[in-house]
N, C-alpha and C. Protein backbone atom coordinates (compact mmCIF):
# COMPACT_ATOMS: atom_id res chain seq x y z
N UNK A 1 0.78 -1.19 -0.01
CA UNK A 1 0.00 0.01 0.00
C UNK A 1 0.84 1.23 0.02
N UNK A 2 2.15 1.15 0.45
CA UNK A 2 2.96 2.33 0.49
C UNK A 2 3.36 2.78 -0.94
N UNK A 3 3.08 1.94 -1.99
CA UNK A 3 3.39 2.34 -3.36
C UNK A 3 2.21 2.90 -4.09
N UNK A 4 1.03 2.96 -3.42
CA UNK A 4 -0.12 3.53 -4.13
C UNK A 4 0.07 5.03 -4.33
N UNK A 5 -0.27 5.49 -5.57
CA UNK A 5 -0.16 6.87 -5.88
C UNK A 5 1.27 7.44 -5.88
N UNK A 6 2.21 6.61 -6.00
CA UNK A 6 3.61 7.01 -5.95
C UNK A 6 3.89 7.78 -7.22
N UNK A 7 4.59 8.97 -7.06
CA UNK A 7 5.09 9.71 -8.18
C UNK A 7 6.55 9.50 -8.22
N UNK A 8 7.13 9.21 -9.38
CA UNK A 8 8.64 9.01 -9.40
C UNK A 8 9.15 9.48 -10.78
N UNK A 9 10.39 9.83 -10.75
CA UNK A 9 11.11 10.25 -11.94
C UNK A 9 12.26 9.27 -12.19
N UNK A 10 12.29 8.68 -13.37
CA UNK A 10 13.38 7.78 -13.71
C UNK A 10 14.43 8.51 -14.60
N UNK A 11 15.68 8.56 -14.05
CA UNK A 11 16.71 9.26 -14.75
C UNK A 11 17.46 8.41 -15.75
N UNK A 12 17.15 7.13 -15.84
CA UNK A 12 17.77 6.23 -16.82
C UNK A 12 16.69 5.39 -17.43
N UNK A 13 16.90 4.81 -18.58
CA UNK A 13 15.93 3.93 -19.19
C UNK A 13 15.62 2.78 -18.27
N UNK A 14 14.36 2.36 -18.32
CA UNK A 14 13.88 1.35 -17.37
C UNK A 14 13.02 0.31 -18.17
N UNK A 15 13.29 -0.93 -17.76
CA UNK A 15 12.39 -2.01 -18.29
C UNK A 15 11.55 -2.62 -17.16
N UNK A 16 10.31 -2.60 -17.36
CA UNK A 16 9.37 -3.15 -16.37
C UNK A 16 8.78 -4.53 -16.92
N UNK A 17 9.03 -5.62 -16.19
CA UNK A 17 8.46 -6.93 -16.51
C UNK A 17 7.40 -7.27 -15.56
N UNK A 18 6.18 -7.59 -16.02
CA UNK A 18 5.06 -7.88 -15.16
C UNK A 18 5.06 -9.41 -14.89
N UNK A 19 5.13 -9.71 -13.61
CA UNK A 19 5.03 -11.14 -13.13
C UNK A 19 3.58 -11.55 -12.99
N UNK A 20 2.84 -10.64 -12.30
CA UNK A 20 1.46 -10.93 -12.03
C UNK A 20 0.68 -9.59 -12.03
N UNK A 21 -0.52 -9.64 -12.58
CA UNK A 21 -1.32 -8.43 -12.66
C UNK A 21 -1.26 -7.77 -13.99
N UNK A 22 -1.59 -6.47 -14.00
CA UNK A 22 -1.58 -5.66 -15.22
C UNK A 22 -1.33 -4.29 -14.80
N UNK A 23 -0.57 -3.49 -15.63
CA UNK A 23 -0.35 -2.11 -15.40
C UNK A 23 -0.50 -1.32 -16.67
N UNK A 24 -1.02 -0.12 -16.55
CA UNK A 24 -1.19 0.79 -17.68
C UNK A 24 -0.23 1.90 -17.53
N UNK A 25 0.64 2.10 -18.53
CA UNK A 25 1.58 3.18 -18.57
C UNK A 25 1.10 4.18 -19.54
N UNK A 26 1.16 5.42 -19.19
CA UNK A 26 0.79 6.50 -20.07
C UNK A 26 2.03 7.28 -20.43
N UNK A 27 2.40 7.29 -21.73
CA UNK A 27 3.58 7.91 -22.20
C UNK A 27 3.49 9.43 -22.15
N UNK A 28 4.62 10.13 -22.25
CA UNK A 28 4.54 11.55 -22.24
C UNK A 28 3.70 12.18 -23.41
N UNK A 29 3.49 11.39 -24.44
CA UNK A 29 2.65 11.81 -25.64
C UNK A 29 1.19 11.50 -25.41
N UNK A 30 0.85 10.83 -24.28
CA UNK A 30 -0.47 10.44 -23.96
C UNK A 30 -0.94 9.03 -24.44
N UNK A 31 -0.04 8.34 -25.07
CA UNK A 31 -0.34 6.94 -25.49
C UNK A 31 -0.39 6.04 -24.23
N UNK A 32 -1.48 5.16 -24.24
CA UNK A 32 -1.54 4.19 -23.15
C UNK A 32 -0.93 2.86 -23.62
N UNK A 33 -0.09 2.30 -22.79
CA UNK A 33 0.52 1.00 -23.03
C UNK A 33 0.08 0.09 -21.86
N UNK A 34 -0.71 -0.94 -22.11
CA UNK A 34 -1.17 -1.89 -21.17
C UNK A 34 -0.27 -3.06 -21.23
N UNK A 35 0.24 -3.43 -20.06
CA UNK A 35 1.26 -4.56 -19.94
C UNK A 35 0.70 -5.60 -18.98
N UNK A 36 0.60 -6.84 -19.48
CA UNK A 36 0.14 -7.90 -18.52
C UNK A 36 1.19 -8.92 -18.23
N UNK A 37 0.85 -9.93 -17.48
CA UNK A 37 1.80 -10.97 -17.01
C UNK A 37 2.54 -11.53 -18.24
N UNK A 38 3.88 -11.64 -18.04
CA UNK A 38 4.77 -12.15 -19.08
C UNK A 38 5.14 -11.13 -20.10
N UNK A 39 4.67 -9.88 -20.03
CA UNK A 39 4.96 -8.86 -21.02
C UNK A 39 5.89 -7.83 -20.29
N UNK A 40 6.47 -6.99 -21.08
CA UNK A 40 7.36 -5.89 -20.52
C UNK A 40 7.22 -4.63 -21.33
N UNK A 41 7.69 -3.51 -20.70
CA UNK A 41 7.68 -2.25 -21.35
C UNK A 41 8.99 -1.62 -21.10
N UNK A 42 9.54 -0.98 -22.14
CA UNK A 42 10.71 -0.15 -22.06
C UNK A 42 10.30 1.26 -21.95
N UNK A 43 10.79 1.96 -20.88
CA UNK A 43 10.43 3.34 -20.60
C UNK A 43 11.66 4.23 -20.78
N UNK A 44 11.48 5.32 -21.47
CA UNK A 44 12.71 6.17 -21.66
C UNK A 44 13.10 6.88 -20.40
N UNK A 45 14.31 7.40 -20.47
CA UNK A 45 14.86 8.20 -19.23
C UNK A 45 14.18 9.58 -19.20
N UNK A 46 14.28 10.19 -18.08
CA UNK A 46 13.76 11.56 -17.90
C UNK A 46 12.27 11.65 -18.02
N UNK A 47 11.58 10.59 -17.50
CA UNK A 47 10.08 10.52 -17.53
C UNK A 47 9.61 10.62 -16.09
N UNK A 48 8.58 11.38 -15.88
CA UNK A 48 7.87 11.47 -14.63
C UNK A 48 6.70 10.67 -14.59
N UNK A 49 6.49 9.72 -13.69
CA UNK A 49 5.37 8.75 -13.73
C UNK A 49 4.61 8.76 -12.44
N UNK A 50 3.40 8.35 -12.47
CA UNK A 50 2.59 8.10 -11.29
C UNK A 50 1.95 6.71 -11.53
N UNK A 51 1.94 5.85 -10.43
CA UNK A 51 1.39 4.56 -10.53
C UNK A 51 0.76 4.11 -9.19
N UNK A 52 -0.25 3.21 -9.28
CA UNK A 52 -0.81 2.69 -8.12
C UNK A 52 -0.31 1.24 -7.84
N UNK A 53 0.44 0.72 -8.77
CA UNK A 53 0.97 -0.68 -8.68
C UNK A 53 -0.14 -1.68 -8.22
N UNK A 54 -1.35 -1.47 -8.62
CA UNK A 54 -2.44 -2.34 -8.26
C UNK A 54 -3.49 -2.28 -9.38
N UNK A 55 -4.21 -3.47 -9.52
CA UNK A 55 -5.23 -3.54 -10.51
C UNK A 55 -6.40 -4.28 -10.05
N UNK A 56 -7.36 -4.60 -10.89
CA UNK A 56 -8.54 -5.27 -10.46
C UNK A 56 -8.22 -6.73 -10.00
N UNK A 57 -7.09 -7.28 -10.43
CA UNK A 57 -6.71 -8.71 -10.03
C UNK A 57 -5.86 -8.72 -8.81
N UNK A 58 -5.71 -7.61 -8.10
CA UNK A 58 -4.91 -7.60 -6.87
C UNK A 58 -3.64 -6.85 -7.14
N UNK A 59 -2.69 -6.97 -6.26
CA UNK A 59 -1.44 -6.23 -6.25
C UNK A 59 -0.64 -6.68 -7.52
N UNK A 60 0.08 -5.73 -8.02
CA UNK A 60 0.98 -5.95 -9.10
C UNK A 60 2.29 -6.54 -8.64
N UNK A 61 2.80 -7.55 -9.32
CA UNK A 61 4.17 -8.03 -9.10
C UNK A 61 4.97 -7.83 -10.31
N UNK A 62 6.09 -7.11 -10.15
CA UNK A 62 6.88 -6.74 -11.33
C UNK A 62 8.35 -6.70 -10.98
N UNK A 63 9.15 -6.80 -12.01
CA UNK A 63 10.58 -6.51 -11.85
C UNK A 63 10.95 -5.30 -12.68
N UNK A 64 11.83 -4.51 -12.08
CA UNK A 64 12.23 -3.24 -12.79
C UNK A 64 13.77 -3.34 -13.00
N UNK A 65 14.21 -3.09 -14.22
CA UNK A 65 15.61 -3.03 -14.50
C UNK A 65 15.95 -1.64 -15.04
N UNK A 66 17.03 -1.07 -14.53
CA UNK A 66 17.45 0.29 -14.90
C UNK A 66 18.85 0.15 -15.60
N UNK A 67 18.92 0.79 -16.76
CA UNK A 67 20.11 0.64 -17.57
C UNK A 67 20.89 2.00 -17.56
N UNK A 68 22.10 1.97 -16.98
CA UNK A 68 22.90 3.17 -16.91
C UNK A 68 23.72 3.31 -18.19
N UNK A 69 24.41 4.37 -18.33
CA UNK A 69 25.15 4.68 -19.59
C UNK A 69 26.25 3.62 -19.81
N UNK A 70 26.88 3.10 -18.74
CA UNK A 70 27.89 2.11 -18.89
C UNK A 70 27.36 0.86 -19.62
N UNK A 71 26.20 0.39 -19.13
CA UNK A 71 25.62 -0.84 -19.80
C UNK A 71 25.20 -0.52 -21.23
N UNK A 72 24.60 0.65 -21.44
CA UNK A 72 24.12 1.01 -22.80
C UNK A 72 25.31 1.08 -23.71
N UNK A 73 26.35 1.79 -23.31
CA UNK A 73 27.61 1.95 -24.25
C UNK A 73 28.21 0.57 -24.55
N UNK A 74 28.31 -0.30 -23.50
CA UNK A 74 28.88 -1.60 -23.68
C UNK A 74 28.06 -2.43 -24.63
N UNK A 75 26.78 -2.41 -24.47
CA UNK A 75 25.86 -3.13 -25.36
C UNK A 75 25.99 -2.63 -26.83
N UNK A 76 26.08 -1.28 -27.00
CA UNK A 76 26.24 -0.68 -28.32
C UNK A 76 27.51 -1.11 -28.93
N UNK A 77 28.60 -1.25 -28.19
CA UNK A 77 29.91 -1.68 -28.74
C UNK A 77 29.88 -3.12 -29.10
N UNK A 78 29.16 -3.98 -28.29
CA UNK A 78 29.23 -5.37 -28.55
C UNK A 78 28.17 -5.93 -29.56
N UNK A 79 27.15 -5.16 -29.81
CA UNK A 79 26.08 -5.63 -30.69
C UNK A 79 26.35 -5.41 -32.11
N UNK A 80 26.12 -6.34 -33.01
CA UNK A 80 26.40 -6.14 -34.40
C UNK A 80 25.46 -4.98 -34.99
N UNK A 81 26.01 -4.27 -35.92
CA UNK A 81 25.21 -3.18 -36.60
C UNK A 81 24.89 -2.03 -35.66
N UNK A 82 25.72 -1.80 -34.60
CA UNK A 82 25.36 -0.81 -33.68
C UNK A 82 25.53 0.65 -34.14
N UNK A 83 26.16 0.85 -35.27
CA UNK A 83 26.40 2.22 -35.70
C UNK A 83 25.18 2.82 -36.40
N UNK A 84 24.24 2.03 -36.80
CA UNK A 84 23.04 2.58 -37.49
C UNK A 84 21.97 2.95 -36.57
N UNK A 85 21.52 4.21 -36.56
CA UNK A 85 20.47 4.67 -35.69
C UNK A 85 19.51 5.53 -36.43
N UNK A 86 18.24 5.10 -36.56
CA UNK A 86 17.27 5.99 -37.27
C UNK A 86 17.14 7.33 -36.59
N UNK A 87 16.57 8.26 -37.39
CA UNK A 87 16.38 9.66 -36.84
C UNK A 87 15.11 9.83 -36.16
N UNK A 88 14.11 8.93 -36.35
CA UNK A 88 12.80 9.07 -35.63
C UNK A 88 13.00 8.52 -34.25
N UNK A 89 12.24 9.13 -33.29
CA UNK A 89 12.32 8.79 -31.91
C UNK A 89 11.45 7.58 -31.66
N UNK A 90 11.92 6.70 -30.78
CA UNK A 90 11.24 5.41 -30.44
C UNK A 90 10.26 5.69 -29.31
N UNK A 91 10.65 6.29 -28.19
CA UNK A 91 9.84 6.48 -27.00
C UNK A 91 9.59 5.13 -26.28
N UNK A 92 8.64 5.10 -25.46
CA UNK A 92 8.26 3.94 -24.72
C UNK A 92 7.67 2.89 -25.65
N UNK A 93 7.95 1.63 -25.34
CA UNK A 93 7.26 0.55 -26.19
C UNK A 93 7.22 -0.73 -25.43
N UNK A 94 6.19 -1.50 -25.90
CA UNK A 94 5.86 -2.77 -25.20
C UNK A 94 6.56 -3.92 -25.93
N UNK A 95 7.03 -4.93 -25.15
CA UNK A 95 7.63 -6.13 -25.69
C UNK A 95 6.68 -7.27 -25.28
N UNK A 96 6.14 -7.98 -26.22
CA UNK A 96 5.18 -9.07 -26.00
C UNK A 96 5.90 -10.29 -25.36
N UNK A 97 5.04 -11.26 -24.91
CA UNK A 97 5.53 -12.48 -24.29
C UNK A 97 6.49 -13.26 -25.14
N UNK A 98 7.67 -13.63 -24.66
CA UNK A 98 8.67 -14.50 -25.28
C UNK A 98 9.09 -15.54 -24.26
N UNK A 99 9.14 -16.80 -24.63
CA UNK A 99 9.46 -17.88 -23.72
C UNK A 99 10.83 -17.63 -23.15
N UNK A 100 11.85 -17.28 -23.95
CA UNK A 100 13.19 -17.11 -23.43
C UNK A 100 13.29 -16.02 -22.44
N UNK A 101 12.59 -14.94 -22.75
CA UNK A 101 12.58 -13.76 -21.79
C UNK A 101 11.92 -14.13 -20.45
N UNK A 102 10.84 -14.80 -20.57
CA UNK A 102 10.14 -15.27 -19.31
C UNK A 102 11.05 -16.20 -18.51
N UNK A 103 11.75 -17.11 -19.21
CA UNK A 103 12.70 -18.02 -18.57
C UNK A 103 13.80 -17.20 -17.83
N UNK A 104 14.34 -16.17 -18.48
CA UNK A 104 15.35 -15.29 -17.91
C UNK A 104 14.80 -14.66 -16.63
N UNK A 105 13.59 -14.11 -16.72
CA UNK A 105 13.03 -13.45 -15.54
C UNK A 105 12.78 -14.48 -14.33
N UNK A 106 12.34 -15.65 -14.74
CA UNK A 106 12.14 -16.68 -13.62
C UNK A 106 13.45 -17.02 -12.96
N UNK A 107 14.54 -17.12 -13.82
CA UNK A 107 15.85 -17.45 -13.24
C UNK A 107 16.36 -16.23 -12.34
N UNK A 108 16.04 -15.02 -12.74
CA UNK A 108 16.45 -13.84 -11.89
C UNK A 108 15.80 -13.98 -10.55
N UNK A 109 14.51 -14.28 -10.51
CA UNK A 109 13.82 -14.41 -9.26
C UNK A 109 14.42 -15.48 -8.36
N UNK A 110 14.69 -16.69 -8.99
CA UNK A 110 15.28 -17.75 -8.26
C UNK A 110 16.73 -17.46 -7.74
N UNK A 111 17.48 -16.85 -8.57
CA UNK A 111 18.85 -16.58 -8.18
C UNK A 111 18.91 -15.54 -7.02
N UNK A 112 18.15 -14.48 -7.12
CA UNK A 112 18.30 -13.43 -6.21
C UNK A 112 17.44 -13.63 -4.87
N UNK A 113 16.78 -14.77 -4.83
CA UNK A 113 16.08 -15.17 -3.53
C UNK A 113 17.19 -15.56 -2.51
N UNK A 114 18.28 -16.09 -3.04
CA UNK A 114 19.26 -16.76 -2.14
C UNK A 114 20.54 -15.94 -2.05
N UNK A 115 20.85 -15.07 -2.95
CA UNK A 115 22.14 -14.36 -2.91
C UNK A 115 21.95 -12.85 -3.10
N UNK A 116 22.87 -12.07 -2.62
CA UNK A 116 22.95 -10.65 -2.95
C UNK A 116 23.89 -10.52 -4.18
N UNK A 117 23.45 -9.83 -5.20
CA UNK A 117 24.24 -9.69 -6.38
C UNK A 117 25.36 -8.76 -6.23
N UNK A 118 26.51 -9.04 -6.81
CA UNK A 118 27.61 -8.16 -6.84
C UNK A 118 27.38 -7.20 -8.05
N UNK A 119 28.16 -6.08 -8.05
CA UNK A 119 28.00 -5.13 -9.13
C UNK A 119 28.37 -5.86 -10.44
N UNK A 120 29.35 -6.66 -10.55
CA UNK A 120 29.78 -7.35 -11.69
C UNK A 120 28.68 -8.35 -12.14
N UNK A 121 28.10 -9.11 -11.29
CA UNK A 121 27.06 -10.00 -11.64
C UNK A 121 25.79 -9.29 -12.18
N UNK A 122 25.41 -8.27 -11.53
CA UNK A 122 24.29 -7.46 -12.01
C UNK A 122 24.54 -6.89 -13.41
N UNK A 123 25.76 -6.39 -13.61
CA UNK A 123 26.12 -5.83 -14.90
C UNK A 123 25.98 -6.94 -16.01
N UNK A 124 26.54 -8.11 -15.67
CA UNK A 124 26.44 -9.20 -16.63
C UNK A 124 25.03 -9.58 -16.95
N UNK A 125 24.16 -9.63 -15.94
CA UNK A 125 22.74 -10.00 -16.15
C UNK A 125 21.98 -8.94 -16.99
N UNK A 126 22.32 -7.65 -16.79
CA UNK A 126 21.69 -6.56 -17.58
C UNK A 126 22.09 -6.72 -19.05
N UNK A 127 23.44 -7.05 -19.23
CA UNK A 127 23.88 -7.27 -20.62
C UNK A 127 23.15 -8.44 -21.24
N UNK A 128 23.09 -9.54 -20.53
CA UNK A 128 22.37 -10.74 -20.98
C UNK A 128 20.94 -10.40 -21.35
N UNK A 129 20.21 -9.62 -20.49
CA UNK A 129 18.87 -9.19 -20.77
C UNK A 129 18.77 -8.46 -22.10
N UNK A 130 19.69 -7.50 -22.33
CA UNK A 130 19.57 -6.71 -23.55
C UNK A 130 19.85 -7.57 -24.77
N UNK A 131 20.74 -8.52 -24.73
CA UNK A 131 21.03 -9.36 -25.80
C UNK A 131 19.84 -10.31 -26.14
N UNK A 132 19.17 -10.79 -25.07
CA UNK A 132 17.97 -11.58 -25.20
C UNK A 132 16.87 -10.75 -25.93
N UNK A 133 16.68 -9.52 -25.47
CA UNK A 133 15.61 -8.69 -26.07
C UNK A 133 15.95 -8.43 -27.59
N UNK A 134 17.22 -8.21 -27.89
CA UNK A 134 17.64 -7.93 -29.23
C UNK A 134 17.40 -9.21 -30.04
N UNK A 135 17.60 -10.44 -29.51
CA UNK A 135 17.40 -11.67 -30.23
C UNK A 135 15.90 -12.00 -30.43
N UNK A 136 15.07 -11.63 -29.45
CA UNK A 136 13.65 -12.09 -29.55
C UNK A 136 12.81 -10.99 -30.15
N UNK A 137 13.11 -9.78 -29.90
CA UNK A 137 12.29 -8.63 -30.42
C UNK A 137 12.93 -8.06 -31.68
N UNK A 138 12.68 -6.77 -31.90
CA UNK A 138 13.29 -6.10 -33.06
C UNK A 138 14.58 -5.41 -32.59
N UNK A 139 15.72 -6.00 -33.02
CA UNK A 139 17.03 -5.46 -32.57
C UNK A 139 17.27 -3.98 -32.85
N UNK A 140 16.83 -3.53 -34.04
CA UNK A 140 17.09 -2.07 -34.40
C UNK A 140 16.24 -1.15 -33.45
N UNK A 141 15.05 -1.65 -33.10
CA UNK A 141 14.19 -0.84 -32.22
C UNK A 141 14.82 -0.71 -30.86
N UNK A 142 15.40 -1.80 -30.32
CA UNK A 142 16.10 -1.71 -28.99
C UNK A 142 17.28 -0.81 -29.13
N UNK A 143 18.10 -1.03 -30.13
CA UNK A 143 19.37 -0.17 -30.31
C UNK A 143 19.02 1.33 -30.41
N UNK A 144 17.93 1.61 -31.16
CA UNK A 144 17.55 2.99 -31.31
C UNK A 144 17.07 3.60 -29.98
N UNK A 145 16.25 2.76 -29.27
CA UNK A 145 15.78 3.18 -27.92
C UNK A 145 16.94 3.49 -26.95
N UNK A 146 17.87 2.55 -26.90
CA UNK A 146 18.99 2.74 -26.00
C UNK A 146 19.83 3.93 -26.43
N UNK A 147 20.11 4.15 -27.73
CA UNK A 147 20.92 5.23 -28.21
C UNK A 147 20.26 6.56 -27.87
N UNK A 148 19.01 6.65 -28.01
CA UNK A 148 18.36 7.99 -27.72
C UNK A 148 18.16 8.21 -26.20
N UNK A 149 18.45 7.19 -25.41
CA UNK A 149 18.21 7.32 -23.98
C UNK A 149 19.53 7.26 -23.22
N UNK A 150 20.64 7.41 -23.89
CA UNK A 150 21.91 7.55 -23.21
C UNK A 150 22.07 9.03 -22.84
N UNK A 151 22.51 9.25 -21.65
CA UNK A 151 22.49 10.68 -21.08
C UNK A 151 23.47 11.59 -21.61
N UNK A 152 24.36 11.15 -22.47
CA UNK A 152 25.43 12.03 -23.00
C UNK A 152 24.94 12.72 -24.24
N UNK A 153 23.66 12.99 -24.35
CA UNK A 153 23.13 13.64 -25.54
C UNK A 153 23.37 15.12 -25.53
N UNK A 154 23.99 15.68 -24.58
CA UNK A 154 24.31 17.14 -24.53
C UNK A 154 23.37 17.97 -23.67
N UNK A 155 23.58 19.29 -23.59
CA UNK A 155 22.83 20.16 -22.81
C UNK A 155 21.49 20.42 -23.43
N UNK A 156 20.44 20.56 -22.60
CA UNK A 156 19.11 20.87 -23.09
C UNK A 156 18.66 22.27 -22.59
N UNK A 157 17.77 22.89 -23.27
CA UNK A 157 17.31 24.18 -22.97
C UNK A 157 16.58 24.23 -21.55
N UNK A 158 17.10 25.02 -20.70
CA UNK A 158 16.57 25.11 -19.32
C UNK A 158 15.13 25.60 -19.31
N UNK A 159 14.80 26.67 -20.07
CA UNK A 159 13.43 27.21 -20.06
C UNK A 159 12.43 26.16 -20.59
N UNK A 160 12.80 25.41 -21.53
CA UNK A 160 11.92 24.31 -22.02
C UNK A 160 11.73 23.25 -21.00
N UNK A 161 12.82 22.83 -20.33
CA UNK A 161 12.71 21.84 -19.29
C UNK A 161 11.84 22.32 -18.14
N UNK A 162 11.97 23.54 -17.76
CA UNK A 162 11.18 24.08 -16.59
C UNK A 162 9.72 24.12 -16.96
N UNK A 163 9.39 24.51 -18.19
CA UNK A 163 8.01 24.52 -18.64
C UNK A 163 7.40 23.02 -18.70
N UNK A 164 8.20 22.14 -19.25
CA UNK A 164 7.82 20.77 -19.39
C UNK A 164 7.50 20.05 -18.13
N UNK A 165 8.30 20.35 -17.12
CA UNK A 165 8.27 19.65 -15.79
C UNK A 165 7.81 20.45 -14.62
N UNK A 166 7.24 21.70 -14.83
CA UNK A 166 6.93 22.58 -13.77
C UNK A 166 5.91 22.01 -12.80
N UNK A 167 5.01 21.09 -13.23
CA UNK A 167 4.01 20.60 -12.32
C UNK A 167 4.53 19.35 -11.53
N UNK A 168 5.72 18.97 -11.84
CA UNK A 168 6.25 17.80 -11.15
C UNK A 168 7.18 18.22 -9.99
N UNK A 169 7.23 17.40 -8.97
CA UNK A 169 8.01 17.71 -7.78
C UNK A 169 9.43 17.24 -7.94
N UNK A 170 10.21 17.97 -8.78
CA UNK A 170 11.56 17.61 -9.09
C UNK A 170 12.53 18.50 -8.27
N UNK A 171 13.69 17.90 -7.88
CA UNK A 171 14.67 18.67 -7.16
C UNK A 171 15.58 19.39 -8.13
N UNK A 172 16.42 20.26 -7.61
CA UNK A 172 17.38 21.03 -8.40
C UNK A 172 18.33 19.95 -9.09
N UNK A 173 18.68 18.95 -8.32
CA UNK A 173 19.59 17.85 -8.84
C UNK A 173 18.91 17.22 -10.06
N UNK A 174 17.59 16.94 -9.96
CA UNK A 174 16.88 16.31 -11.04
C UNK A 174 16.91 17.17 -12.29
N UNK A 175 16.61 18.53 -12.14
CA UNK A 175 16.60 19.48 -13.22
C UNK A 175 17.99 19.58 -13.84
N UNK A 176 19.06 19.65 -13.06
CA UNK A 176 20.45 19.66 -13.50
C UNK A 176 20.72 18.49 -14.37
N UNK A 177 20.30 17.27 -13.91
CA UNK A 177 20.50 16.05 -14.61
C UNK A 177 19.75 16.06 -16.00
N UNK A 178 18.52 16.47 -15.94
CA UNK A 178 17.72 16.58 -17.16
C UNK A 178 18.32 17.55 -18.11
N UNK A 179 18.99 18.59 -17.69
CA UNK A 179 19.53 19.50 -18.56
C UNK A 179 20.89 19.22 -19.08
N UNK A 180 21.52 18.11 -18.55
CA UNK A 180 22.87 17.79 -18.92
C UNK A 180 23.97 18.67 -18.36
N UNK A 181 23.68 19.16 -17.16
CA UNK A 181 24.62 20.05 -16.46
C UNK A 181 24.93 19.55 -15.06
N UNK A 182 25.98 20.01 -14.49
CA UNK A 182 26.20 19.83 -13.07
C UNK A 182 25.27 20.74 -12.30
N UNK A 183 25.07 20.49 -11.00
CA UNK A 183 24.18 21.28 -10.20
C UNK A 183 24.60 22.76 -10.21
N UNK A 184 25.95 23.00 -10.05
CA UNK A 184 26.39 24.37 -9.95
C UNK A 184 26.24 25.08 -11.31
N UNK A 185 26.49 24.34 -12.38
CA UNK A 185 26.25 24.96 -13.73
C UNK A 185 24.82 25.27 -13.97
N UNK A 186 23.98 24.33 -13.51
CA UNK A 186 22.55 24.56 -13.68
C UNK A 186 22.08 25.82 -12.90
N UNK A 187 22.52 25.86 -11.66
CA UNK A 187 22.11 27.05 -10.77
C UNK A 187 22.58 28.36 -11.36
N UNK A 188 23.85 28.40 -11.94
CA UNK A 188 24.41 29.54 -12.56
C UNK A 188 23.57 29.95 -13.77
N UNK A 189 23.29 28.99 -14.64
CA UNK A 189 22.59 29.37 -15.87
C UNK A 189 21.11 29.64 -15.62
N UNK A 190 20.53 28.98 -14.59
CA UNK A 190 19.13 29.31 -14.23
C UNK A 190 19.05 30.76 -13.75
N UNK A 191 19.92 31.21 -12.86
CA UNK A 191 19.90 32.57 -12.41
C UNK A 191 20.14 33.54 -13.54
N UNK A 192 20.98 33.18 -14.47
CA UNK A 192 21.17 34.02 -15.62
C UNK A 192 19.97 34.15 -16.45
C-alpha cells in the first residue's frame, strides 16, 4: 500500500517486466501501454510517472531493470550493426511475451532469492537481458531506444525543461541532470 499513488522520476531507461497483474503506462505523448503478465515495457529516461501498482486482479508483481550509460555503451559496442540509428524517436514501447525472456525473468527471481548480487554479476545479467531482447524482439528498435536514452546527448534548454516539468516535484539535482549540467552549472545558468 505504500506504493499507491507514488510519483517518481526515472533518470535512466527502465524495463518493467510484469510477473502478475496488469499495469497501464501513459507515455509523455498520452499513449496508453497496457502490460500484462509475461510482458514488458521499455520506458525512456527523464520521464515523470505516477502509478498505483495495483489492478482489479490484486497487487501488481513486477521486476524493474534500470540501464545506466555504462551498460548501454557496452551493449552498443558489442552488438552487431550498432552504428546505424534511425532519426525518428522510439519512445516507450511494449515487448510481448517471449518464452526465453520469461525464462530469464524466472531465473532472476530464483537466483536473487538466495544471494545478494555483486556489481559485476548485475552488470552481466543486464547485458544478458539486452542481448535476449535484441534476439527475440526487433534489434534495431532496441538499439535506437538505447541510443536515444543515453544521457550524454548534450545540454538541453533550461526554459523548455522548466515548462515541461513545472508541475512535477523535481529537485534541483533532477533538473540539472535533465539539462545535462552539473548542479552548480545549472544554478548559474538558471539565475542568468
